[in-house]
Amino acid sequence: MPAPHDGHTDPALRVAWVLGAGRDPGRRLALALARAGYRTALHDFNPTGLDVTARAIREQGGETLVLTGDLVRKITLQGLFNQIEDAWGRLDVIVYAEEANPKADLLRLDEWDWHRALDINLTVPWLLAQQAGRVMLQGGAVFFVGGDSSLRDRAQDVGLPLLAGRGGLLASLPVWAEQLAPRGVRVNLLLPARPQRMPWRAMAQSARDLWPQDPPTTFEAILLRLLDEARTAAVVALEAA
């Protein structure tokens, strides 16, 4: 069982798992958490960039663990949670910065692409939230990070699986937050810009609106601010757009 997560824990003992860490924005978020004192587990569906991220973390004095495996399979995901627990005995923060966006239109979209993209965009976030509620027994935070182009584009340009997945994530987030709150697990979504499409636009706040006196200007700063303030169910956009 992971060790307790509380405000008195030595930051050097805390653990973050960043998925999508082989490229930005996941790489930047992993580096920011490492600078903040977190030990970091790293994963990416395309693992070719993970060594670059891991090396950068180690060069700045951080401790890191590289993980591989197809997270779409629940048994694989559970195994990766177990690897983190075996290595460090706790997990405090999860950052999911993965998405899939095949651009074929309704008439040309392949069924395999549809299912695979929906798995990456919605099934894995659900599995992460579910497993976080089971593993983070003393609390923690889960952040979903992505683009919002499919919520802004004209109808003929929409990546349908990303549109469906992001809409499902936005609709699910407040429910997950409510159900995980008794366990002290918080869930939030970070976007580059506020969606233009309704009803998604009404669900998001820009960083400037949320913190008008001192708005953060990077994903890294937003994530750390949300951690410090222990917010949940927040949908925060870097730009108002």
C-alpha atoms as a PDB file:
ATOM      1  CA  MET A   1       0.000   0.000   0.000  1.00  0.00           C
ATOM      2  CA  PRO A   2       1.382   3.461  -0.879  1.00  0.00           C
ATOM      3  CA  ALA A   3       2.571   5.625   1.978  1.00  0.00           C
ATOM      4  CA  PRO A   4       0.266   8.426   3.174  1.00  0.00           C
ATOM      5  CA  HIS A   5       0.093  11.623   1.164  1.00  0.00           C
ATOM      6  CA  ASP A   6      -0.167  14.756   3.282  1.00  0.00           C
ATOM      7  CA  GLY A   7       1.031  18.306   3.434  1.00  0.00           C
ATOM      8  CA  HIS A   8       3.798  17.420   5.909  1.00  0.00           C
ATOM      9  CA  THR A   9       5.497  14.844   3.680  1.00  0.00           C
ATOM     10  CA  ASP A  10       9.044  15.660   2.643  1.00  0.00           C
ATOM     11  CA  PRO A  11       8.744  16.786  -1.030  1.00  0.00           C
ATOM     12  CA  ALA A  12      11.752  14.607  -1.855  1.00  0.00           C
ATOM     13  CA  LEU A  13       9.653  11.542  -0.987  1.00  0.00           C
ATOM     14  CA  ARG A  14       6.699  12.387  -3.225  1.00  0.00           C
ATOM     15  CA  VAL A  15       6.152  10.550  -6.495  1.00  0.00           C
ATOM     16  CA  ALA A  16       4.635  11.703  -9.802  1.00  0.00           C
ATOM     17  CA  TRP A  17       3.810   9.560 -12.813  1.00  0.00           C
ATOM     18  CA  VAL A  18       3.824  11.455 -16.122  1.00  0.00           C
ATOM     19  CA  LEU A  19       2.305   9.723 -19.146  1.00  0.00           C
ATOM     20  CA  GLY A  20       3.216  11.273 -22.479  1.00  0.00           C
ATOM     21  CA  ALA A  21       6.597  12.230 -21.029  1.00  0.00           C
ATOM     22  CA  GLY A  22       8.539  11.548 -24.221  1.00  0.00           C
ATOM     23  CA  ARG A  23       7.579  14.893 -25.753  1.00  0.00           C
ATOM     24  CA  ASP A  24       6.058  18.234 -24.817  1.00  0.00           C
ATOM     25  CA  PRO A  25       3.981  19.167 -22.940  1.00  0.00           C
ATOM     26  CA  GLY A  26       4.480  15.968 -20.937  1.00  0.00           C
ATOM     27  CA  ARG A  27       8.256  16.346 -20.934  1.00  0.00           C
ATOM     28  CA  ARG A  28       8.093  19.900 -19.586  1.00  0.00           C
ATOM     29  CA  LEU A  29       5.649  18.841 -16.883  1.00  0.00           C
ATOM     30  CA  ALA A  30       7.867  15.927 -15.844  1.00  0.00           C
ATOM     31  CA  LEU A  31      10.884  18.232 -15.601  1.00  0.00           C
ATOM     32  CA  ALA A  32       8.893  20.774 -13.580  1.00  0.00           C
ATOM     33  CA  LEU A  33       7.751  18.132 -11.111  1.00  0.00           C
ATOM     34  CA  ALA A  34      11.308  16.821 -10.805  1.00  0.00           C
ATOM     35  CA  ARG A  35      12.547  20.351 -10.082  1.00  0.00           C
ATOM     36  CA  ALA A  36       9.845  20.619  -7.421  1.00  0.00           C
ATOM     37  CA  GLY A  37      11.367  17.582  -5.716  1.00  0.00           C
ATOM     38  CA  TYR A  38       9.176  14.753  -7.007  1.00  0.00           C
ATOM     39  CA  ARG A  39      10.567  11.394  -7.992  1.00  0.00           C
ATOM     40  CA  THR A  40       9.134  10.788 -11.457  1.00  0.00           C
ATOM     41  CA  ALA A  41       7.911   7.702 -13.275  1.00  0.00           C
ATOM     42  CA  LEU A  42       7.763   8.223 -17.051  1.00  0.00           C
ATOM     43  CA  HIS A  43       5.664   6.587 -19.776  1.00  0.00           C
ATOM     44  CA  ASP A  44       4.809   7.297 -23.406  1.00  0.00           C
ATOM     45  CA  PHE A  45       2.842   5.343 -26.014  1.00  0.00           C
ATOM     46  CA  ASN A  46       5.776   6.168 -28.323  1.00  0.00           C
ATOM     47  CA  PRO A  47       8.745   5.535 -26.015  1.00  0.00           C
ATOM     48  CA  THR A  48      11.470   6.893 -28.312  1.00  0.00           C
ATOM     49  CA  GLY A  49      11.712  10.220 -26.467  1.00  0.00           C
ATOM     50  CA  LEU A  50      11.589   8.863 -22.924  1.00  0.00           C
ATOM     51  CA  ASP A  51      15.355   8.454 -22.583  1.00  0.00           C
ATOM     52  CA  VAL A  52      15.819  12.146 -23.395  1.00  0.00           C
ATOM     53  CA  THR A  53      13.394  13.116 -20.634  1.00  0.00           C
ATOM     54  CA  ALA A  54      14.887  10.672 -18.139  1.00  0.00           C
ATOM     55  CA  ARG A  55      18.416  11.886 -18.868  1.00  0.00           C
ATOM     56  CA  ALA A  56      17.379  15.526 -18.396  1.00  0.00           C
ATOM     57  CA  ILE A  57      15.802  14.698 -15.033  1.00  0.00           C
ATOM     58  CA  ARG A  58      18.877  12.808 -13.854  1.00  0.00           C
ATOM     59  CA  GLU A  59      21.161  15.626 -14.988  1.00  0.00           C
ATOM     60  CA  GLN A  60      19.278  18.017 -12.710  1.00  0.00           C
ATOM     61  CA  GLY A  61      19.671  15.579  -9.806  1.00  0.00           C
ATOM     62  CA  GLY A  62      16.282  13.886  -9.973  1.00  0.00           C
ATOM     63  CA  GLU A  63      15.337  10.242  -9.521  1.00  0.00           C
ATOM     64  CA  THR A  64      13.301   8.673 -12.315  1.00  0.00           C
ATOM     65  CA  LEU A  65      11.831   5.372 -13.501  1.00  0.00           C
ATOM     66  CA  VAL A  66      11.029   4.607 -17.160  1.00  0.00           C
ATOM     67  CA  LEU A  67       7.946   2.440 -17.750  1.00  0.00           C
ATOM     68  CA  THR A  68       6.696   0.739 -20.914  1.00  0.00           C
ATOM     69  CA  GLY A  69       3.493  -1.054 -21.872  1.00  0.00           C
ATOM     70  CA  ASP A  70       0.149  -0.540 -23.624  1.00  0.00           C
ATOM     71  CA  LEU A  71      -2.026   1.238 -21.073  1.00  0.00           C
ATOM     72  CA  VAL A  72      -5.213   0.489 -22.980  1.00  0.00           C
ATOM     73  CA  ARG A  73      -5.116  -2.964 -21.380  1.00  0.00           C
ATOM     74  CA  LYS A  74      -6.237  -2.683 -17.763  1.00  0.00           C
ATOM     75  CA  ILE A  75      -3.971  -5.503 -16.600  1.00  0.00           C
ATOM     76  CA  THR A  76      -0.965  -3.670 -18.066  1.00  0.00           C
ATOM     77  CA  LEU A  77      -1.981  -0.420 -16.380  1.00  0.00           C
ATOM     78  CA  GLN A  78      -2.331  -2.157 -13.026  1.00  0.00           C
ATOM     79  CA  GLY A  79       1.097  -3.700 -13.511  1.00  0.00           C
ATOM     80  CA  LEU A  80       2.658  -0.263 -14.031  1.00  0.00           C
ATOM     81  CA  PHE A  81       0.995   1.050 -10.872  1.00  0.00           C
ATOM     82  CA  ASN A  82       2.536  -1.939  -9.089  1.00  0.00           C
ATOM     83  CA  GLN A  83       6.000  -1.144 -10.487  1.00  0.00           C
ATOM     84  CA  ILE A  84       5.805   2.385  -9.083  1.00  0.00           C
ATOM     85  CA  GLU A  85       4.618   1.099  -5.718  1.00  0.00           C
ATOM     86  CA  ASP A  86       7.387  -1.520  -5.641  1.00  0.00           C
ATOM     87  CA  ALA A  87      10.017   1.122  -6.426  1.00  0.00           C
ATOM     88  CA  TRP A  88       8.875   3.942  -4.150  1.00  0.00           C
ATOM     89  CA  GLY A  89       5.955   2.749  -2.038  1.00  0.00           C
ATOM     90  CA  ARG A  90       3.662   5.650  -2.916  1.00  0.00           C
ATOM     91  CA  LEU A  91       2.105   7.683  -5.729  1.00  0.00           C
ATOM     92  CA  ASP A  92       0.996  11.285  -5.235  1.00  0.00           C
ATOM     93  CA  VAL A  93       0.448  12.796  -8.692  1.00  0.00           C
ATOM     94  CA  ILE A  94      -0.558  11.428 -12.103  1.00  0.00           C
ATOM     95  CA  VAL A  95      -0.241  13.551 -15.247  1.00  0.00           C
ATOM     96  CA  TYR A  96      -1.786  12.166 -18.450  1.00  0.00           C
ATOM     97  CA  ALA A  97      -0.611  14.142 -21.483  1.00  0.00           C
ATOM     98  CA  GLU A  98      -1.555  11.725 -24.264  1.00  0.00           C
ATOM     99  CA  GLU A  99      -4.102  12.049 -27.047  1.00  0.00           C
ATOM    100  CA  ALA A 100      -4.859  10.575 -30.461  1.00  0.00           C
ATOM    101  CA  ASN A 101      -6.479  12.565 -33.250  1.00  0.00           C
ATOM    102  CA  PRO A 102      -6.957  10.760 -36.584  1.00  0.00           C
ATOM    103  CA  LYS A 103      -8.334  13.405 -38.945  1.00  0.00           C
ATOM    104  CA  ALA A 104     -10.436  11.295 -41.332  1.00  0.00           C
ATOM    105  CA  ASP A 105     -14.016  12.496 -41.662  1.00  0.00           C
ATOM    106  CA  LEU A 106     -17.122  10.510 -40.725  1.00  0.00           C
ATOM    107  CA  LEU A 107     -17.329   8.633 -44.034  1.00  0.00           C
ATOM    108  CA  ARG A 108     -13.638   7.683 -44.213  1.00  0.00           C
ATOM    109  CA  LEU A 109     -12.698   7.064 -40.586  1.00  0.00           C
ATOM    110  CA  ASP A 110     -11.462   3.523 -40.020  1.00  0.00           C
ATOM    111  CA  GLU A 111     -13.095   1.525 -37.219  1.00  0.00           C
ATOM    112  CA  TRP A 112      -9.731   0.509 -35.717  1.00  0.00           C
ATOM    113  CA  ASP A 113      -8.592   4.151 -35.633  1.00  0.00           C
ATOM    114  CA  TRP A 114     -11.873   5.142 -33.967  1.00  0.00           C
ATOM    115  CA  HIS A 115     -11.595   2.545 -31.213  1.00  0.00           C
ATOM    116  CA  ARG A 116      -7.870   3.066 -30.627  1.00  0.00           C
ATOM    117  CA  ALA A 117      -8.224   6.846 -30.412  1.00  0.00           C
ATOM    118  CA  LEU A 118     -11.216   6.625 -28.065  1.00  0.00           C
ATOM    119  CA  ASP A 119      -9.238   4.256 -25.868  1.00  0.00           C
ATOM    120  CA  ILE A 120      -6.345   6.727 -25.640  1.00  0.00           C
ATOM    121  CA  ASN A 121      -8.567   9.799 -25.250  1.00  0.00           C
ATOM    122  CA  LEU A 122     -11.186   8.477 -22.822  1.00  0.00           C
ATOM    123  CA  THR A 123     -10.722   4.857 -21.720  1.00  0.00           C
ATOM    124  CA  VAL A 124      -7.214   5.374 -20.328  1.00  0.00           C
ATOM    125  CA  PRO A 125      -8.234   8.533 -18.404  1.00  0.00           C
ATOM    126  CA  TRP A 126     -11.130   6.575 -16.883  1.00  0.00           C
ATOM    127  CA  LEU A 127      -8.821   3.693 -15.941  1.00  0.00           C
ATOM    128  CA  LEU A 128      -6.307   6.108 -14.407  1.00  0.00           C
ATOM    129  CA  ALA A 129      -8.993   7.869 -12.364  1.00  0.00           C
ATOM    130  CA  GLN A 130     -10.440   4.546 -11.234  1.00  0.00           C
ATOM    131  CA  GLN A 131      -7.069   3.101 -10.266  1.00  0.00           C
ATOM    132  CA  ALA A 132      -6.042   6.345  -8.552  1.00  0.00           C
ATOM    133  CA  GLY A 133      -9.080   6.034  -6.311  1.00  0.00           C
ATOM    134  CA  ARG A 134      -8.012   2.515  -5.389  1.00  0.00           C
ATOM    135  CA  VAL A 135      -4.274   3.141  -4.971  1.00  0.00           C
ATOM    136  CA  MET A 136      -4.047   6.711  -3.635  1.00  0.00           C
ATOM    137  CA  LEU A 137      -5.720   5.721  -0.391  1.00  0.00           C
ATOM    138  CA  GLN A 138      -4.310   8.741   1.449  1.00  0.00           C
ATOM    139  CA  GLY A 139      -4.977  11.245  -1.338  1.00  0.00           C
ATOM    140  CA  GLY A 140      -3.369  12.563  -4.493  1.00  0.00           C
ATOM    141  CA  ALA A 141      -4.028  14.424  -7.729  1.00  0.00           C
ATOM    142  CA  VAL A 142      -4.665  13.421 -11.341  1.00  0.00           C
ATOM    143  CA  PHE A 143      -4.192  15.882 -14.207  1.00  0.00           C
ATOM    144  CA  PHE A 144      -5.351  15.352 -17.786  1.00  0.00           C
ATOM    145  CA  VAL A 145      -3.503  17.548 -20.283  1.00  0.00           C
ATOM    146  CA  GLY A 146      -4.332  18.025 -23.945  1.00  0.00           C
ATOM    147  CA  GLY A 147      -5.018  20.232 -26.903  1.00  0.00           C
ATOM    148  CA  ASP A 148      -8.440  21.595 -27.775  1.00  0.00           C
ATOM    149  CA  SER A 149      -8.192  22.003 -31.542  1.00  0.00           C
ATOM    150  CA  SER A 150     -11.049  19.580 -32.173  1.00  0.00           C
ATOM    151  CA  LEU A 151     -13.346  21.735 -30.059  1.00  0.00           C
ATOM    152  CA  ARG A 152     -12.516  24.871 -32.051  1.00  0.00           C
ATOM    153  CA  ASP A 153     -12.272  23.707 -35.653  1.00  0.00           C
ATOM    154  CA  ARG A 154     -14.997  23.876 -38.247  1.00  0.00           C
ATOM    155  CA  ALA A 155     -17.172  20.759 -38.403  1.00  0.00           C
ATOM    156  CA  GLN A 156     -15.445  19.374 -41.506  1.00  0.00           C
ATOM    157  CA  ASP A 157     -12.024  19.655 -39.837  1.00  0.00           C
ATOM    158  CA  VAL A 158     -12.865  17.953 -36.565  1.00  0.00           C
ATOM    159  CA  GLY A 159     -10.903  14.878 -35.497  1.00  0.00           C
ATOM    160  CA  LEU A 160     -13.995  12.919 -34.485  1.00  0.00           C
ATOM    161  CA  PRO A 161     -12.400  10.508 -31.952  1.00  0.00           C
ATOM    162  CA  LEU A 162     -10.688  13.393 -30.155  1.00  0.00           C
ATOM    163  CA  LEU A 163     -13.927  15.384 -30.172  1.00  0.00           C
ATOM    164  CA  ALA A 164     -15.837  12.437 -28.705  1.00  0.00           C
ATOM    165  CA  GLY A 165     -13.131  11.606 -26.185  1.00  0.00           C
ATOM    166  CA  ARG A 166     -12.643  15.167 -25.000  1.00  0.00           C
ATOM    167  CA  GLY A 167     -16.374  15.724 -24.709  1.00  0.00           C
ATOM    168  CA  GLY A 168     -16.671  12.560 -22.641  1.00  0.00           C
ATOM    169  CA  LEU A 169     -13.768  13.623 -20.433  1.00  0.00           C
ATOM    170  CA  LEU A 170     -15.246  17.068 -19.822  1.00  0.00           C
ATOM    171  CA  ALA A 171     -18.613  15.539 -18.959  1.00  0.00           C
ATOM    172  CA  SER A 172     -17.032  12.929 -16.673  1.00  0.00           C
ATOM    173  CA  LEU A 173     -14.595  15.170 -14.802  1.00  0.00           C
ATOM    174  CA  PRO A 174     -17.028  16.644 -12.223  1.00  0.00           C
ATOM    175  CA  VAL A 175     -18.502  13.204 -11.536  1.00  0.00           C
ATOM    176  CA  TRP A 176     -15.054  11.677 -11.029  1.00  0.00           C
ATOM    177  CA  ALA A 177     -14.097  14.594  -8.778  1.00  0.00           C
ATOM    178  CA  GLU A 178     -17.202  14.096  -6.633  1.00  0.00           C
ATOM    179  CA  GLN A 179     -16.728  10.341  -6.326  1.00  0.00           C
ATOM    180  CA  LEU A 180     -12.990  10.574  -5.592  1.00  0.00           C
ATOM    181  CA  ALA A 181     -13.269  13.450  -3.109  1.00  0.00           C
ATOM    182  CA  PRO A 182     -13.920  11.187  -0.085  1.00  0.00           C
ATOM    183  CA  ARG A 183     -10.546   9.548  -0.792  1.00  0.00           C
ATOM    184  CA  GLY A 184      -8.768  12.872  -1.101  1.00  0.00           C
ATOM    185  CA  VAL A 185      -8.041  12.360  -4.812  1.00  0.00           C
ATOM    186  CA  ARG A 186      -8.402  15.449  -7.012  1.00  0.00           C
ATOM    187  CA  VAL A 187      -8.861  15.504 -10.799  1.00  0.00           C
ATOM    188  CA  ASN A 188      -8.310  18.455 -13.156  1.00  0.00           C
ATOM    189  CA  LEU A 189      -8.010  19.136 -16.885  1.00  0.00           C
ATOM    190  CA  LEU A 190      -5.506  21.518 -18.503  1.00  0.00           C
ATOM    191  CA  LEU A 191      -6.026  22.899 -22.036  1.00  0.00           C
ATOM    192  CA  PRO A 192      -3.957  25.285 -24.168  1.00  0.00           C
ATOM    193  CA  ALA A 193      -6.992  27.491 -24.866  1.00  0.00           C
ATOM    194  CA  ARG A 194     -10.672  27.699 -23.978  1.00  0.00           C
ATOM    195  CA  PRO A 195     -12.808  25.648 -26.380  1.00  0.00           C
ATOM    196  CA  GLN A 196     -14.946  27.638 -28.794  1.00  0.00           C
ATOM    197  CA  ARG A 197     -17.689  25.042 -29.030  1.00  0.00           C
ATOM    198  CA  MET A 198     -20.539  24.948 -26.526  1.00  0.00           C
ATOM    199  CA  PRO A 199     -21.165  23.470 -24.017  1.00  0.00           C
ATOM    200  CA  TRP A 200     -17.442  22.822 -23.542  1.00  0.00           C
ATOM    201  CA  ARG A 201     -16.525  26.507 -23.539  1.00  0.00           C
ATOM    202  CA  ALA A 202     -18.696  27.168 -20.504  1.00  0.00           C
ATOM    203  CA  MET A 203     -16.875  24.430 -18.567  1.00  0.00           C
ATOM    204  CA  ALA A 204     -13.412  26.000 -18.880  1.00  0.00           C
ATOM    205  CA  GLN A 205     -11.769  28.979 -17.197  1.00  0.00           C
ATOM    206  CA  SER A 206      -8.678  30.727 -18.450  1.00  0.00           C
ATOM    207  CA  ALA A 207      -5.717  30.993 -16.105  1.00  0.00           C
ATOM    208  CA  ARG A 208      -6.080  34.772 -16.247  1.00  0.00           C
ATOM    209  CA  ASP A 209      -9.716  34.602 -15.107  1.00  0.00           C
ATOM    210  CA  LEU A 210      -8.945  32.100 -12.373  1.00  0.00           C
ATOM    211  CA  TRP A 211      -5.940  33.988 -10.994  1.00  0.00           C
ATOM    212  CA  PRO A 212      -6.363  37.604 -12.202  1.00  0.00           C
ATOM    213  CA  GLN A 213      -3.741  39.041  -9.847  1.00  0.00           C
ATOM    214  CA  ASP A 214      -0.952  36.651 -10.786  1.00  0.00           C
ATOM    215  CA  PRO A 215      -1.907  34.411 -13.739  1.00  0.00           C
ATOM    216  CA  PRO A 216       0.454  31.508 -14.499  1.00  0.00           C
ATOM    217  CA  THR A 217       1.756  31.552 -18.066  1.00  0.00           C
ATOM    218  CA  THR A 218       2.794  27.912 -18.607  1.00  0.00           C
ATOM    219  CA  PHE A 219       1.231  24.486 -18.146  1.00  0.00           C
ATOM    220  CA  GLU A 220       3.916  23.770 -15.567  1.00  0.00           C
ATOM    221  CA  ALA A 221       2.985  26.803 -13.476  1.00  0.00           C
ATOM    222  CA  ILE A 222      -0.742  25.990 -13.705  1.00  0.00           C
ATOM    223  CA  LEU A 223      -0.188  22.416 -12.565  1.00  0.00           C
ATOM    224  CA  LEU A 224       1.953  23.441  -9.597  1.00  0.00           C
ATOM    225  CA  ARG A 225      -0.551  26.162  -8.648  1.00  0.00           C
ATOM    226  CA  LEU A 226      -3.425  23.658  -8.700  1.00  0.00           C
ATOM    227  CA  LEU A 227      -1.377  21.284  -6.559  1.00  0.00           C
ATOM    228  CA  ASP A 228      -0.618  24.018  -4.036  1.00  0.00           C
ATOM    229  CA  GLU A 229      -4.270  25.060  -3.839  1.00  0.00           C
ATOM    230  CA  ALA A 230      -5.623  21.476  -3.766  1.00  0.00           C
ATOM    231  CA  ARG A 231      -8.285  22.288  -6.368  1.00  0.00           C
ATOM    232  CA  THR A 232     -10.421  19.638  -8.017  1.00  0.00           C
ATOM    233  CA  ALA A 233     -12.816  19.489 -11.009  1.00  0.00           C
ATOM    234  CA  ALA A 234     -11.035  22.497 -12.544  1.00  0.00           C
ATOM    235  CA  VAL A 235     -10.846  22.879 -16.332  1.00  0.00           C
ATOM    236  CA  VAL A 236      -8.126  25.468 -16.846  1.00  0.00           C
ATOM    237  CA  ALA A 237      -7.042  26.956 -20.170  1.00  0.00           C
ATOM    238  CA  LEU A 238      -3.669  28.599 -20.582  1.00  0.00           C
ATOM    239  CA  GLU A 239      -5.144  31.176 -22.981  1.00  0.00           C
ATOM    240  CA  ALA A 240      -8.603  32.697 -23.029  1.00  0.00           C
ATOM    241  CA  ALA A 241      -8.975  32.319 -26.834  1.00  0.00           C
END
